Protein backbone atom coordinates (compact mmCIF):
# COMPACT_ATOMS: atom_id res chain seq x y z
CA MET A 1 0.00 0.00 0.00
CA PHE A 2 2.80 2.45 0.88
CA ALA A 3 4.65 1.67 -2.36
CA MET A 4 1.48 2.12 -4.43
CA LEU A 5 0.85 5.48 -2.78
CA ARG A 6 4.41 6.59 -3.56
CA TYR A 7 4.09 5.64 -7.23
CA ALA A 8 0.43 6.65 -7.70
CA PRO A 9 1.04 10.30 -8.70
CA LEU A 10 3.57 9.21 -11.33
CA LEU A 11 1.58 6.34 -12.83
CA ALA A 12 -2.10 6.67 -11.94
CA ILE A 13 -3.15 10.24 -11.11
CA PRO A 14 -3.67 12.09 -14.45
CA ALA A 15 -2.79 15.52 -13.02
CA PHE A 16 0.76 14.40 -12.18
CA SER A 17 1.36 11.36 -14.39
CA SER A 18 3.52 11.49 -17.52
CA VAL A 19 1.58 8.47 -18.85
CA ALA A 20 -1.88 9.98 -18.41
CA TRP A 21 -2.57 9.17 -22.07
CA ALA A 22 -2.57 5.43 -21.28
CA PRO A 23 -5.86 3.63 -20.44
CA PRO A 24 -6.68 3.51 -16.70
CA MET A 25 -6.43 -0.29 -16.58
CA ILE A 26 -2.91 -0.19 -18.05
CA ARG A 27 -1.87 2.45 -15.52
CA MET A 28 -3.24 0.47 -12.58
CA VAL A 29 -1.54 -2.76 -13.70
CA LEU A 30 1.74 -0.88 -14.15
CA LEU A 31 1.32 0.73 -10.74
CA MET A 32 0.77 -2.62 -8.98
CA ALA A 33 3.67 -4.24 -10.86
CA VAL A 34 6.13 -1.46 -10.00
CA ALA A 35 4.94 -1.39 -6.38
CA TRP A 36 5.40 -5.16 -6.06
CA LEU A 37 8.91 -5.01 -7.54
CA THR A 38 9.71 -2.15 -5.15
CA VAL A 39 8.61 -4.20 -2.15
CA ILE A 40 10.74 -7.14 -3.33
CA ALA A 41 13.83 -4.98 -3.88
CA ALA A 42 13.39 -2.78 -0.80
CA PRO A 43 15.29 -3.58 2.38
CA SER A 44 13.38 -5.32 5.14
CA LEU A 45 11.21 -2.95 7.16
CA THR A 46 10.34 -3.19 10.81
CA PRO A 47 6.67 -2.35 11.43
CA MET A 48 6.39 1.01 13.11
CA PRO A 49 4.30 1.36 16.29
CA TYR A 50 2.22 4.17 14.82
CA TRP A 51 1.02 1.96 11.95
CA SER A 52 -1.43 0.32 14.34
CA ASP A 53 -2.93 3.72 15.15
CA GLY A 54 -5.45 5.24 12.74
CA GLY A 55 -3.96 8.73 12.88
CA GLY A 56 -0.38 7.49 12.50
CA LEU A 57 -1.30 5.26 9.57
CA LEU A 58 -3.07 8.15 7.85
CA LEU A 59 -0.05 10.38 8.41
CA ALA A 60 2.27 7.74 6.93
CA CYS A 61 0.01 7.35 3.88
CA SER A 62 -0.11 11.13 3.42
CA SER A 63 3.68 11.27 3.59
CA GLU A 64 4.02 8.62 0.87
CA LEU A 65 1.52 10.43 -1.33
CA LEU A 66 3.37 13.72 -0.84
CA ILE A 67 6.66 12.10 -1.87
CA GLY A 68 5.04 10.77 -5.04
CA MET A 69 3.49 14.15 -5.82
CA THR A 70 6.90 15.80 -5.48
CA PHE A 71 8.40 13.33 -7.94
CA GLY A 72 5.42 13.89 -10.24
CA LEU A 73 5.93 17.65 -10.14
CA ALA A 74 9.55 17.14 -11.21
CA ILE A 75 8.09 15.87 -14.50
CA MET A 76 5.05 18.14 -14.79
CA LEU A 77 6.86 21.41 -14.07
CA PRO A 78 9.27 21.11 -17.05
CA GLN A 79 6.32 20.24 -19.29
CA ALA A 80 4.40 23.25 -17.94
CA GLY A 81 7.40 25.52 -18.49
CA ILE A 82 7.85 24.33 -22.09
CA GLY A 83 4.11 24.59 -22.77
CA MET A 84 3.88 28.11 -21.32
CA ALA A 85 6.86 29.36 -23.35
CA ALA A 86 5.50 27.76 -26.53
CA SER A 87 2.09 29.35 -25.91
CA VAL A 88 3.70 32.78 -25.63
CA ALA A 89 5.58 32.18 -28.89
CA ASP A 90 2.34 30.97 -30.50
CA MET A 91 0.58 34.15 -29.45
CA GLN A 92 3.48 36.24 -30.72
CA ALA A 93 3.38 34.49 -34.10
CA GLY A 94 -0.40 34.77 -34.43
CA LEU A 95 -0.93 31.00 -34.47
CA SER A 96 -3.09 31.15 -31.33
CA ALA A 97 -5.95 32.47 -33.47
CA ALA A 98 -6.23 29.01 -35.03
CA SER A 99 -7.83 27.71 -31.81
CA LEU A 100 -10.86 29.92 -32.55
CA LEU A 101 -11.51 27.94 -35.75
CA ASP A 102 -10.86 24.46 -34.34
CA PRO A 103 -14.12 22.47 -34.60
CA GLY A 104 -12.60 19.50 -32.78
CA GLY A 105 -11.56 21.46 -29.71
CA GLN A 106 -12.92 20.34 -26.36
CA HIS A 107 -13.45 23.90 -25.09
CA GLU A 108 -9.76 23.99 -24.17
CA PRO A 109 -7.48 26.34 -26.13
CA GLU A 110 -4.62 24.43 -27.74
CA THR A 111 -1.64 26.00 -29.43
CA LEU A 112 0.23 24.62 -32.42
CA LEU A 113 3.77 25.14 -31.15
CA GLY A 114 2.74 24.16 -27.61
CA SER A 115 1.28 20.84 -28.74
CA LEU A 116 4.28 20.17 -30.99
CA LEU A 117 6.89 20.85 -28.30
CA LEU A 118 4.99 18.97 -25.58
CA LEU A 119 4.71 15.90 -27.80
CA ALA A 120 8.42 16.22 -28.54
CA ALA A 121 9.11 16.51 -24.79
CA VAL A 122 7.18 13.29 -24.06
CA VAL A 123 9.04 11.41 -26.82
CA LEU A 124 12.43 12.72 -25.69
CA PHE A 125 11.64 11.89 -22.06
CA PHE A 126 11.51 8.20 -22.96
CA THR A 127 14.08 8.30 -25.79
CA LEU A 128 16.77 9.85 -23.58
CA ASN A 129 16.04 7.31 -20.80
CA LEU A 130 15.00 10.03 -18.39
CA HIS A 131 12.26 7.74 -17.10
CA VAL A 132 14.99 5.28 -16.06
CA GLN A 133 16.77 8.05 -14.18
CA LEU A 134 13.51 9.02 -12.51
CA PHE A 135 12.87 5.50 -11.22
CA HIS A 136 16.49 5.22 -10.09
CA LEU A 137 15.88 8.31 -7.96
CA MET A 138 12.68 6.81 -6.58
CA ALA A 139 14.50 3.58 -5.78
CA GLU A 140 17.21 5.58 -4.01
CA SER A 141 14.51 7.43 -2.07
CA LEU A 142 13.55 4.09 -0.46
CA ARG A 143 16.93 4.10 1.30
CA VAL A 144 16.72 7.72 2.45
CA LEU A 145 12.95 7.79 3.04
CA PRO A 146 11.80 4.25 3.92
CA LEU A 147 8.26 3.16 3.14
CA GLY A 148 5.80 4.25 5.80
CA ALA A 149 8.19 6.72 7.42
CA VAL A 150 6.84 10.05 8.65
CA GLY A 151 10.12 11.98 8.77
CA LEU A 152 9.55 13.87 5.52
CA ARG A 153 10.90 17.43 5.46
CA LEU A 154 10.31 19.44 2.28
CA ASP A 155 12.32 22.60 1.63
CA PRO A 156 9.94 25.31 0.29
CA GLU A 157 12.83 27.47 -0.94
CA ALA A 158 14.32 24.61 -2.96
CA PHE A 159 10.88 23.77 -4.34
CA MET A 160 10.30 27.35 -5.52
CA ALA A 161 13.80 27.33 -7.05
CA MET A 162 12.81 24.20 -9.02
CA VAL A 163 9.62 25.92 -10.20
CA GLY A 164 11.46 29.07 -11.31
CA SER A 165 14.24 27.12 -13.00
CA SER A 166 11.77 24.92 -14.92
CA PHE A 167 9.95 27.92 -16.38
CA LEU A 168 13.18 29.81 -17.09
CA LEU A 169 14.76 26.86 -18.93
CA GLY A 170 11.45 26.25 -20.73
CA LEU A 171 11.63 29.82 -21.98
CA MET A 172 15.13 29.16 -23.33
CA VAL A 173 13.74 26.43 -25.61
CA VAL A 174 11.81 29.01 -27.67
CA ALA A 175 14.01 32.05 -26.94
CA PRO A 176 15.48 32.27 -30.50
CA LEU A 177 11.96 32.04 -31.90
CA MET A 178 10.67 34.82 -29.65
CA ILE A 179 13.65 37.10 -30.40
CA GLY A 180 13.22 36.62 -34.15
CA LEU A 181 9.48 37.33 -33.94
CA PHE A 182 10.20 40.44 -31.88
CA ALA A 183 12.39 41.70 -34.73
CA VAL A 184 9.52 41.04 -37.17
CA ASP A 185 7.17 42.96 -34.85
CA LEU A 186 9.54 45.93 -34.91
CA ALA A 187 9.52 45.90 -38.73
CA VAL A 188 5.71 45.67 -38.76
CA ALA A 189 5.46 48.56 -36.30
CA TYR A 190 7.69 50.69 -38.53
CA ALA A 191 5.54 49.80 -41.56
CA THR A 192 2.40 50.75 -39.61
CA ARG A 193 3.85 54.18 -38.85
CA SER A 194 4.82 54.63 -42.50
CA MET A 195 1.45 53.49 -43.90
CA PRO A 196 -1.22 54.19 -41.28
CA GLN A 197 -4.02 53.75 -43.83
CA ALA A 198 -3.12 50.07 -44.48
CA ASN A 199 -4.11 47.24 -42.19
CA VAL A 200 -0.56 46.03 -41.73
CA TYR A 201 -1.42 43.52 -39.02
CA PHE A 202 -3.40 41.21 -41.28
CA LEU A 203 -0.94 41.74 -44.11
CA ALA A 204 1.98 40.78 -41.86
CA LEU A 205 0.27 37.81 -40.20
CA PRO A 206 1.30 35.27 -42.91
CA LEU A 207 4.83 36.71 -42.76
CA LYS A 208 5.00 36.19 -38.99
CA ILE A 209 3.72 32.61 -39.26
CA ALA A 210 6.25 31.83 -41.99
CA ALA A 211 9.04 33.42 -39.92
CA ALA A 212 7.99 31.39 -36.86
CA LEU A 213 8.06 28.10 -38.77
CA LEU A 214 11.41 28.94 -40.39
CA LEU A 215 12.97 29.90 -37.06
CA LEU A 216 11.60 26.74 -35.47
CA ALA A 217 13.08 24.64 -38.28
CA ALA A 218 16.43 26.44 -37.93
CA THR A 219 16.63 25.80 -34.17
CA LEU A 220 15.16 22.30 -34.22
CA ALA A 221 18.57 20.66 -33.93
CA TYR A 222 19.14 22.30 -30.54
CA VAL A 223 15.68 21.58 -29.09
CA PRO A 224 16.39 18.01 -27.82
CA ALA A 225 19.41 19.14 -25.80
CA LEU A 226 17.46 22.07 -24.34
CA ILE A 227 14.46 19.90 -23.42
CA GLU A 228 16.79 17.34 -21.82
CA ARG A 229 18.37 20.14 -19.80
CA VAL A 230 14.95 21.21 -18.49
CA PHE A 231 14.17 17.70 -17.20
CA GLN A 232 17.70 17.06 -15.93
CA ASP A 233 17.66 20.26 -13.90
CA ALA A 234 14.33 19.38 -12.27
CA LEU A 235 15.52 15.86 -11.41
CA ALA A 236 18.83 17.17 -10.06
CA ARG A 237 16.96 19.54 -7.72
CA LEU A 238 14.85 16.77 -6.16
CA PRO A 239 17.35 15.91 -3.36
CA SER A 240 17.47 19.55 -2.26
CA VAL A 241 13.65 19.69 -2.28
CA PHE A 242 13.64 16.74 0.14
CA GLY A 243 16.10 18.59 2.37
CA ALA A 244 19.25 16.70 1.36
């Protein structure tokens, strides 16, 4: 039960899981399998006295769930940072207007660059074996934070540093794109001042979209390394979040 609670945010809870796209039955089977392997590989545990008490057992379960949520946030925060930066670039390029004409949308605005980079982030997460590194960290956490222990101490300052770093590094993924589009905006602003009678915005919109796609194609070779850096930084900050 303790092992399932520790892995539940990563494998079963859609808000934190990186495999939320998988069917619920697959996620539950994977959760039980990983929890069982964890119990087999974990060192022998002595039952704690507070496990027999309702309040102590609830506190131990809450501690395990909090550990799993922290590991889940180490994956969700980089994705949120990349998605936020891509959404800003989408808005800057004018591609966000496409969500107004999307008949298949489920009342949730989706951006072209955001969806593209998030899909690339999911693929790279498994291609670069970052999921293996994540589960190595969780296996190491069994030695530092045994199952059912209540001695969890989270560092709020380290957690906020992980949040800020994830969004800052996510912004670096699309920084060349945003700088190039800013230069296009300056040229469009100059043209607007020169020809106030023309509707330069709609005339320049195809130019901005073309510039965004060209800049994305030009920087595509550097995107995998940048996305890996976002995830690696979040995973490297996990020990400090747990007070190590």
